[in-house]
């Protein structure tokens, strides 16, 4: 099943999944809070109509300090190298870490099954790795500590 690439239809679809979407006027994005291991992870859905794309970006709920940029970047790179669908990144200027997916929407139509798979992938990636990333960002662990635990 498909729906048009617009905020109203996106919100309807997310409500159908019981994800309680909200439209944020200042960013013109729909967002949800995913509960992952009892932590709320904000996920924003940005519509790029000029290129028929839907961006999903989950912001990891950890502080990122400048002195940890290198270690966090190394961890994110290593994770992306191993993932079938890489998407971890960081914004040094905003001091944020995230997982991002881009959903192609040919003809400005969103495929419900495909979007559901992307949401599932985003949830799984965050559930699996966000605590390790948080440990690196907080300085309680180094990448080598986590690699040696494998």
C-alpha atoms as a PDB file:
ATOM      1  CA  UNK A   1       0.000   0.000   0.000  1.00  0.00           C
ATOM      2  CA  UNK A   2       1.258   3.496  -0.799  1.00  0.00           C
ATOM      3  CA  UNK A   3       0.371   6.963   0.435  1.00  0.00           C
ATOM      4  CA  UNK A   4       1.291  10.452  -0.839  1.00  0.00           C
ATOM      5  CA  UNK A   5       4.512  11.985   0.502  1.00  0.00           C
ATOM      6  CA  UNK A   6       3.038  14.678   2.744  1.00  0.00           C
ATOM      7  CA  UNK A   7       2.876  15.431   6.466  1.00  0.00           C
ATOM      8  CA  UNK A   8      -0.810  14.659   6.909  1.00  0.00           C
ATOM      9  CA  UNK A   9      -0.625  11.182   5.348  1.00  0.00           C
ATOM     10  CA  UNK A  10       2.645  10.455   7.172  1.00  0.00           C
ATOM     11  CA  UNK A  11       1.013  11.322  10.502  1.00  0.00           C
ATOM     12  CA  UNK A  12      -1.958   9.083   9.664  1.00  0.00           C
ATOM     13  CA  UNK A  13       0.371   6.186   8.873  1.00  0.00           C
ATOM     14  CA  UNK A  14       2.369   6.655  12.090  1.00  0.00           C
ATOM     15  CA  UNK A  15      -0.866   6.808  14.105  1.00  0.00           C
ATOM     16  CA  UNK A  16      -1.885   3.513  12.515  1.00  0.00           C
ATOM     17  CA  UNK A  17       1.379   2.085  13.909  1.00  0.00           C
ATOM     18  CA  UNK A  18       0.485   3.598  17.316  1.00  0.00           C
ATOM     19  CA  UNK A  19       3.599   5.794  17.298  1.00  0.00           C
ATOM     20  CA  UNK A  20       1.862   9.017  18.451  1.00  0.00           C
ATOM     21  CA  UNK A  21       3.247  11.483  15.873  1.00  0.00           C
ATOM     22  CA  UNK A  22       3.420  15.248  16.353  1.00  0.00           C
ATOM     23  CA  UNK A  23       3.976  17.921  13.716  1.00  0.00           C
ATOM     24  CA  UNK A  24       6.671  20.423  14.665  1.00  0.00           C
ATOM     25  CA  UNK A  25       5.876  23.659  12.848  1.00  0.00           C
ATOM     26  CA  UNK A  26       9.271  25.356  13.332  1.00  0.00           C
ATOM     27  CA  UNK A  27      11.100  22.538  11.519  1.00  0.00           C
ATOM     28  CA  UNK A  28       8.177  21.430   9.343  1.00  0.00           C
ATOM     29  CA  UNK A  29       8.792  17.848  10.406  1.00  0.00           C
ATOM     30  CA  UNK A  30       6.768  15.087  11.978  1.00  0.00           C
ATOM     31  CA  UNK A  31       8.379  13.510  15.015  1.00  0.00           C
ATOM     32  CA  UNK A  32       7.791  10.602  17.345  1.00  0.00           C
ATOM     33  CA  UNK A  33       9.394   9.348  20.527  1.00  0.00           C
ATOM     34  CA  UNK A  34      10.529   5.742  20.293  1.00  0.00           C
ATOM     35  CA  UNK A  35      10.844   4.029  23.659  1.00  0.00           C
ATOM     36  CA  UNK A  36      14.101   2.066  23.501  1.00  0.00           C
ATOM     37  CA  UNK A  37      15.188   0.313  26.696  1.00  0.00           C
ATOM     38  CA  UNK A  38      13.053   2.732  28.718  1.00  0.00           C
ATOM     39  CA  UNK A  39      14.682   5.757  27.044  1.00  0.00           C
ATOM     40  CA  UNK A  40      12.787   8.141  24.772  1.00  0.00           C
ATOM     41  CA  UNK A  41      14.576   8.537  21.456  1.00  0.00           C
ATOM     42  CA  UNK A  42      13.261  11.402  19.304  1.00  0.00           C
ATOM     43  CA  UNK A  43      12.839  10.489  15.642  1.00  0.00           C
ATOM     44  CA  UNK A  44      12.186  13.197  13.056  1.00  0.00           C
ATOM     45  CA  UNK A  45      10.686  12.594   9.602  1.00  0.00           C
ATOM     46  CA  UNK A  46      11.826  15.188   7.084  1.00  0.00           C
ATOM     47  CA  UNK A  47      10.118  15.335   3.711  1.00  0.00           C
ATOM     48  CA  UNK A  48      12.372  16.275   0.783  1.00  0.00           C
ATOM     49  CA  UNK A  49       9.787  16.738  -1.961  1.00  0.00           C
ATOM     50  CA  UNK A  50      12.325  18.221  -4.387  1.00  0.00           C
ATOM     51  CA  UNK A  51      14.032  14.824  -4.505  1.00  0.00           C
ATOM     52  CA  UNK A  52      11.163  12.498  -3.500  1.00  0.00           C
ATOM     53  CA  UNK A  53      12.908  11.405  -0.302  1.00  0.00           C
ATOM     54  CA  UNK A  54      11.829  10.888   3.287  1.00  0.00           C
ATOM     55  CA  UNK A  55      14.557  11.260   5.901  1.00  0.00           C
ATOM     56  CA  UNK A  56      14.261   9.509   9.259  1.00  0.00           C
ATOM     57  CA  UNK A  57      16.705  10.715  11.874  1.00  0.00           C
ATOM     58  CA  UNK A  58      16.870   9.414  15.449  1.00  0.00           C
ATOM     59  CA  UNK A  59      18.858  11.582  17.836  1.00  0.00           C
ATOM     60  CA  UNK A  60      20.722   9.582  20.455  1.00  0.00           C
ATOM     61  CA  UNK A  61      19.930  10.964  23.918  1.00  0.00           C
ATOM     62  CA  UNK A  62      23.492  11.514  25.110  1.00  0.00           C
ATOM     63  CA  UNK A  63      25.713  14.536  25.596  1.00  0.00           C
ATOM     64  CA  UNK A  64      28.574  14.829  23.114  1.00  0.00           C
ATOM     65  CA  UNK A  65      31.583  16.757  24.383  1.00  0.00           C
ATOM     66  CA  UNK A  66      34.313  18.086  22.107  1.00  0.00           C
ATOM     67  CA  UNK A  67      37.046  16.071  23.811  1.00  0.00           C
ATOM     68  CA  UNK A  68      35.173  12.873  22.839  1.00  0.00           C
ATOM     69  CA  UNK A  69      34.616  13.737  19.143  1.00  0.00           C
ATOM     70  CA  UNK A  70      37.477  11.543  17.900  1.00  0.00           C
ATOM     71  CA  UNK A  71      36.589   8.490  19.960  1.00  0.00           C
ATOM     72  CA  UNK A  72      32.866   8.752  19.136  1.00  0.00           C
ATOM     73  CA  UNK A  73      33.608   9.262  15.428  1.00  0.00           C
ATOM     74  CA  UNK A  74      35.797   6.148  15.480  1.00  0.00           C
ATOM     75  CA  UNK A  75      33.013   4.113  17.113  1.00  0.00           C
ATOM     76  CA  UNK A  76      30.383   5.344  14.652  1.00  0.00           C
ATOM     77  CA  UNK A  77      32.685   4.568  11.712  1.00  0.00           C
ATOM     78  CA  UNK A  78      33.323   1.034  12.983  1.00  0.00           C
ATOM     79  CA  UNK A  79      29.598   0.424  13.463  1.00  0.00           C
ATOM     80  CA  UNK A  80      28.727   1.749   9.993  1.00  0.00           C
ATOM     81  CA  UNK A  81      31.400  -0.474   8.486  1.00  0.00           C
ATOM     82  CA  UNK A  82      29.711  -3.551   9.989  1.00  0.00           C
ATOM     83  CA  UNK A  83      26.056  -2.648   9.403  1.00  0.00           C
ATOM     84  CA  UNK A  84      24.116  -3.755   6.338  1.00  0.00           C
ATOM     85  CA  UNK A  85      22.379  -0.376   6.453  1.00  0.00           C
ATOM     86  CA  UNK A  86      24.839   2.178   7.876  1.00  0.00           C
ATOM     87  CA  UNK A  87      23.452   5.416   9.208  1.00  0.00           C
ATOM     88  CA  UNK A  88      25.238   6.496  12.388  1.00  0.00           C
ATOM     89  CA  UNK A  89      26.687   9.979  12.362  1.00  0.00           C
ATOM     90  CA  UNK A  90      27.412  13.017  14.439  1.00  0.00           C
ATOM     91  CA  UNK A  91      27.018  16.745  14.114  1.00  0.00           C
ATOM     92  CA  UNK A  92      30.019  18.389  15.765  1.00  0.00           C
ATOM     93  CA  UNK A  93      28.520  21.867  15.572  1.00  0.00           C
ATOM     94  CA  UNK A  94      25.282  20.833  17.319  1.00  0.00           C
ATOM     95  CA  UNK A  95      27.091  18.198  19.446  1.00  0.00           C
ATOM     96  CA  UNK A  96      24.574  15.518  18.487  1.00  0.00           C
ATOM     97  CA  UNK A  97      24.808  11.849  17.533  1.00  0.00           C
ATOM     98  CA  UNK A  98      22.185  10.195  15.378  1.00  0.00           C
ATOM     99  CA  UNK A  99      21.092   7.308  13.208  1.00  0.00           C
ATOM    100  CA  UNK A 100      19.686   8.359   9.843  1.00  0.00           C
ATOM    101  CA  UNK A 101      17.836   6.533   7.063  1.00  0.00           C
ATOM    102  CA  UNK A 102      16.749   7.891   3.699  1.00  0.00           C
ATOM    103  CA  UNK A 103      13.618   6.340   2.177  1.00  0.00           C
ATOM    104  CA  UNK A 104      13.219   6.771  -1.597  1.00  0.00           C
ATOM    105  CA  UNK A 105       9.653   7.738  -2.541  1.00  0.00           C
ATOM    106  CA  UNK A 106       9.350   7.478  -6.343  1.00  0.00           C
ATOM    107  CA  UNK A 107       6.502   9.553  -7.714  1.00  0.00           C
ATOM    108  CA  UNK A 108       6.154  11.196  -4.276  1.00  0.00           C
ATOM    109  CA  UNK A 109       4.524   7.987  -2.990  1.00  0.00           C
ATOM    110  CA  UNK A 110       5.566   6.314   0.280  1.00  0.00           C
ATOM    111  CA  UNK A 111       5.512   2.523   0.313  1.00  0.00           C
ATOM    112  CA  UNK A 112       4.048   1.579   3.715  1.00  0.00           C
ATOM    113  CA  UNK A 113       5.904  -1.740   3.899  1.00  0.00           C
ATOM    114  CA  UNK A 114       9.216  -0.123   3.012  1.00  0.00           C
ATOM    115  CA  UNK A 115       8.746   2.688   5.538  1.00  0.00           C
ATOM    116  CA  UNK A 116       7.835   0.133   8.196  1.00  0.00           C
ATOM    117  CA  UNK A 117      11.071  -1.730   7.447  1.00  0.00           C
ATOM    118  CA  UNK A 118      13.111   1.470   7.733  1.00  0.00           C
ATOM    119  CA  UNK A 119      11.492   2.322  11.078  1.00  0.00           C
ATOM    120  CA  UNK A 120      12.272  -1.215  12.257  1.00  0.00           C
ATOM    121  CA  UNK A 121      15.882  -0.907  11.097  1.00  0.00           C
ATOM    122  CA  UNK A 122      16.269   2.424  12.874  1.00  0.00           C
ATOM    123  CA  UNK A 123      14.786   0.967  16.070  1.00  0.00           C
ATOM    124  CA  UNK A 124      17.051  -2.098  15.922  1.00  0.00           C
ATOM    125  CA  UNK A 125      20.215  -0.067  15.268  1.00  0.00           C
ATOM    126  CA  UNK A 126      19.469   2.278  18.165  1.00  0.00           C
ATOM    127  CA  UNK A 127      18.443  -0.567  20.482  1.00  0.00           C
ATOM    128  CA  UNK A 128      21.568  -2.550  19.683  1.00  0.00           C
ATOM    129  CA  UNK A 129      24.212   0.172  19.752  1.00  0.00           C
ATOM    130  CA  UNK A 130      23.090   3.362  21.468  1.00  0.00           C
ATOM    131  CA  UNK A 131      24.228   2.343  24.962  1.00  0.00           C
ATOM    132  CA  UNK A 132      27.718   1.501  23.693  1.00  0.00           C
ATOM    133  CA  UNK A 133      27.831   4.844  21.858  1.00  0.00           C
ATOM    134  CA  UNK A 134      26.653   6.579  25.039  1.00  0.00           C
ATOM    135  CA  UNK A 135      29.410   4.890  27.035  1.00  0.00           C
ATOM    136  CA  UNK A 136      32.008   6.181  24.565  1.00  0.00           C
ATOM    137  CA  UNK A 137      30.481   9.685  24.548  1.00  0.00           C
ATOM    138  CA  UNK A 138      30.432   9.822  28.360  1.00  0.00           C
ATOM    139  CA  UNK A 139      34.028   8.640  28.619  1.00  0.00           C
ATOM    140  CA  UNK A 140      33.210   5.597  30.759  1.00  0.00           C
ATOM    141  CA  UNK A 141      34.550   3.358  27.965  1.00  0.00           C
ATOM    142  CA  UNK A 142      36.893   3.631  25.031  1.00  0.00           C
ATOM    143  CA  UNK A 143      36.365   1.998  21.647  1.00  0.00           C
ATOM    144  CA  UNK A 144      39.167  -0.490  22.362  1.00  0.00           C
ATOM    145  CA  UNK A 145      37.383  -1.567  25.587  1.00  0.00           C
ATOM    146  CA  UNK A 146      34.238  -2.388  23.639  1.00  0.00           C
ATOM    147  CA  UNK A 147      36.149  -4.116  20.823  1.00  0.00           C
ATOM    148  CA  UNK A 148      37.981  -6.283  23.361  1.00  0.00           C
ATOM    149  CA  UNK A 149      34.646  -7.340  24.914  1.00  0.00           C
ATOM    150  CA  UNK A 150      33.512  -8.930  21.622  1.00  0.00           C
END
